[in-house]
Amino acid sequence: MADEQKSMASLMTENRKFPPPQSVQSKAYINNIQQYQQMWEQSVNDTEKFWLEQAESLSWFKKPTKALEYT
C-alpha cells in the first residue's frame, strides 16, 4: 500500500515545460518572460499609468482619464 501511495503522490507533481511554437509566440500579446516582468513591475509601481495605457487598446465612446476611481 505504501508503494501505491508513493506512486499516486508522484503523479500529482508535474515539472515538464511545454513552450509554445515560435509561430504562436511571435503573435502573442506578451512575447517573453522579460516583457511580462516589465509589465508586471509597471503595474505595481505606477498602477494608474499602466492601466490607462492598457485602456488604449480598447474602443471607447469616451476615453477614460482616471484609472482608479470607483465607488
C-alpha atoms as a PDB file:
ATOM      1  CA  MET A   1       0.000   0.000   0.000  1.00  0.00           C
ATOM      2  CA  ALA A   2       2.917   2.369   0.682  1.00  0.00           C
ATOM      3  CA  ASP A   3       4.121   1.897  -2.895  1.00  0.00           C
ATOM      4  CA  GLU A   4       0.649   2.716  -4.188  1.00  0.00           C
ATOM      5  CA  GLN A   5       0.502   5.956  -2.164  1.00  0.00           C
ATOM      6  CA  LYS A   6       4.001   6.931  -3.275  1.00  0.00           C
ATOM      7  CA  SER A   7       3.136   6.433  -6.933  1.00  0.00           C
ATOM      8  CA  MET A   8      -0.086   8.445  -6.592  1.00  0.00           C
ATOM      9  CA  ALA A   9       1.824  11.317  -4.979  1.00  0.00           C
ATOM     10  CA  SER A  10       4.397  11.268  -7.754  1.00  0.00           C
ATOM     11  CA  LEU A  11       1.617  11.638 -10.338  1.00  0.00           C
ATOM     12  CA  MET A  12       0.474  14.858  -8.667  1.00  0.00           C
ATOM     13  CA  THR A  13       3.708  16.685  -9.472  1.00  0.00           C
ATOM     14  CA  GLU A  14       4.469  17.942 -12.973  1.00  0.00           C
ATOM     15  CA  ASN A  15       7.780  19.591 -13.775  1.00  0.00           C
ATOM     16  CA  ARG A  16       7.834  19.390 -17.555  1.00  0.00           C
ATOM     17  CA  LYS A  17       7.517  22.547 -19.634  1.00  0.00           C
ATOM     18  CA  PHE A  18       5.833  22.806 -23.000  1.00  0.00           C
ATOM     19  CA  PRO A  19       6.906  26.058 -24.662  1.00  0.00           C
ATOM     20  CA  PRO A  20       4.636  27.312 -27.451  1.00  0.00           C
ATOM     21  CA  PRO A  21       5.791  27.073 -31.053  1.00  0.00           C
ATOM     22  CA  GLN A  22       7.627  30.169 -32.317  1.00  0.00           C
ATOM     23  CA  SER A  23       4.770  30.916 -34.731  1.00  0.00           C
ATOM     24  CA  VAL A  24       2.351  31.203 -31.792  1.00  0.00           C
ATOM     25  CA  GLN A  25       4.793  33.023 -29.540  1.00  0.00           C
ATOM     26  CA  SER A  26       5.534  35.705 -32.146  1.00  0.00           C
ATOM     27  CA  LYS A  27       1.810  36.589 -32.400  1.00  0.00           C
ATOM     28  CA  ALA A  28       1.217  36.687 -28.645  1.00  0.00           C
ATOM     29  CA  TYR A  29       0.444  39.936 -26.812  1.00  0.00           C
ATOM     30  CA  ILE A  30       3.293  39.198 -24.393  1.00  0.00           C
ATOM     31  CA  ASN A  31       6.157  37.545 -26.253  1.00  0.00           C
ATOM     32  CA  ASN A  32       8.533  36.574 -23.452  1.00  0.00           C
ATOM     33  CA  ILE A  33       9.035  36.452 -19.699  1.00  0.00           C
ATOM     34  CA  GLN A  34      11.094  39.665 -19.707  1.00  0.00           C
ATOM     35  CA  GLN A  35       8.228  41.627 -21.272  1.00  0.00           C
ATOM     36  CA  TYR A  36       5.821  40.105 -18.748  1.00  0.00           C
ATOM     37  CA  GLN A  37       8.124  41.030 -15.838  1.00  0.00           C
ATOM     38  CA  GLN A  38       8.464  44.606 -17.115  1.00  0.00           C
ATOM     39  CA  MET A  39       4.683  44.979 -17.442  1.00  0.00           C
ATOM     40  CA  TRP A  40       4.124  43.472 -14.009  1.00  0.00           C
ATOM     41  CA  GLU A  41       6.623  45.874 -12.413  1.00  0.00           C
ATOM     42  CA  GLN A  42       4.956  48.856 -14.081  1.00  0.00           C
ATOM     43  CA  SER A  43       1.513  47.650 -12.959  1.00  0.00           C
ATOM     44  CA  VAL A  44       2.742  47.529  -9.358  1.00  0.00           C
ATOM     45  CA  ASN A  45       4.889  50.682  -9.353  1.00  0.00           C
ATOM     46  CA  ASP A  46       2.739  53.010 -11.490  1.00  0.00           C
ATOM     47  CA  THR A  47      -0.713  51.448 -11.466  1.00  0.00           C
ATOM     48  CA  GLU A  48      -2.704  54.363 -12.870  1.00  0.00           C
ATOM     49  CA  LYS A  49      -0.365  54.923 -15.849  1.00  0.00           C
ATOM     50  CA  PHE A  50      -0.217  51.198 -16.578  1.00  0.00           C
ATOM     51  CA  TRP A  51      -3.995  50.757 -16.725  1.00  0.00           C
ATOM     52  CA  LEU A  52      -4.553  53.909 -18.747  1.00  0.00           C
ATOM     53  CA  GLU A  53      -2.031  52.589 -21.285  1.00  0.00           C
ATOM     54  CA  GLN A  54      -3.842  49.227 -21.346  1.00  0.00           C
ATOM     55  CA  ALA A  55      -7.155  51.042 -21.868  1.00  0.00           C
ATOM     56  CA  GLU A  56      -5.758  52.464 -25.137  1.00  0.00           C
ATOM     57  CA  SER A  57      -6.133  49.023 -26.722  1.00  0.00           C
ATOM     58  CA  LEU A  58      -9.943  49.124 -26.251  1.00  0.00           C
ATOM     59  CA  SER A  59     -12.579  51.025 -28.200  1.00  0.00           C
ATOM     60  CA  TRP A  60     -14.283  53.719 -26.129  1.00  0.00           C
ATOM     61  CA  PHE A  61     -17.151  56.144 -26.652  1.00  0.00           C
ATOM     62  CA  LYS A  62     -15.271  58.394 -24.250  1.00  0.00           C
ATOM     63  CA  LYS A  63     -11.706  57.505 -23.241  1.00  0.00           C
ATOM     64  CA  PRO A  64     -11.025  57.289 -19.512  1.00  0.00           C
ATOM     65  CA  THR A  65      -8.835  59.904 -17.852  1.00  0.00           C
ATOM     66  CA  LYS A  66      -8.651  58.183 -14.463  1.00  0.00           C
ATOM     67  CA  ALA A  67      -7.918  54.531 -13.896  1.00  0.00           C
ATOM     68  CA  LEU A  68      -8.562  54.027 -10.202  1.00  0.00           C
ATOM     69  CA  GLU A  69     -11.748  55.914  -9.422  1.00  0.00           C
ATOM     70  CA  TYR A  70     -14.572  53.736  -8.149  1.00  0.00           C
ATOM     71  CA  THR A  71     -17.308  53.677  -5.507  1.00  0.00           C
END
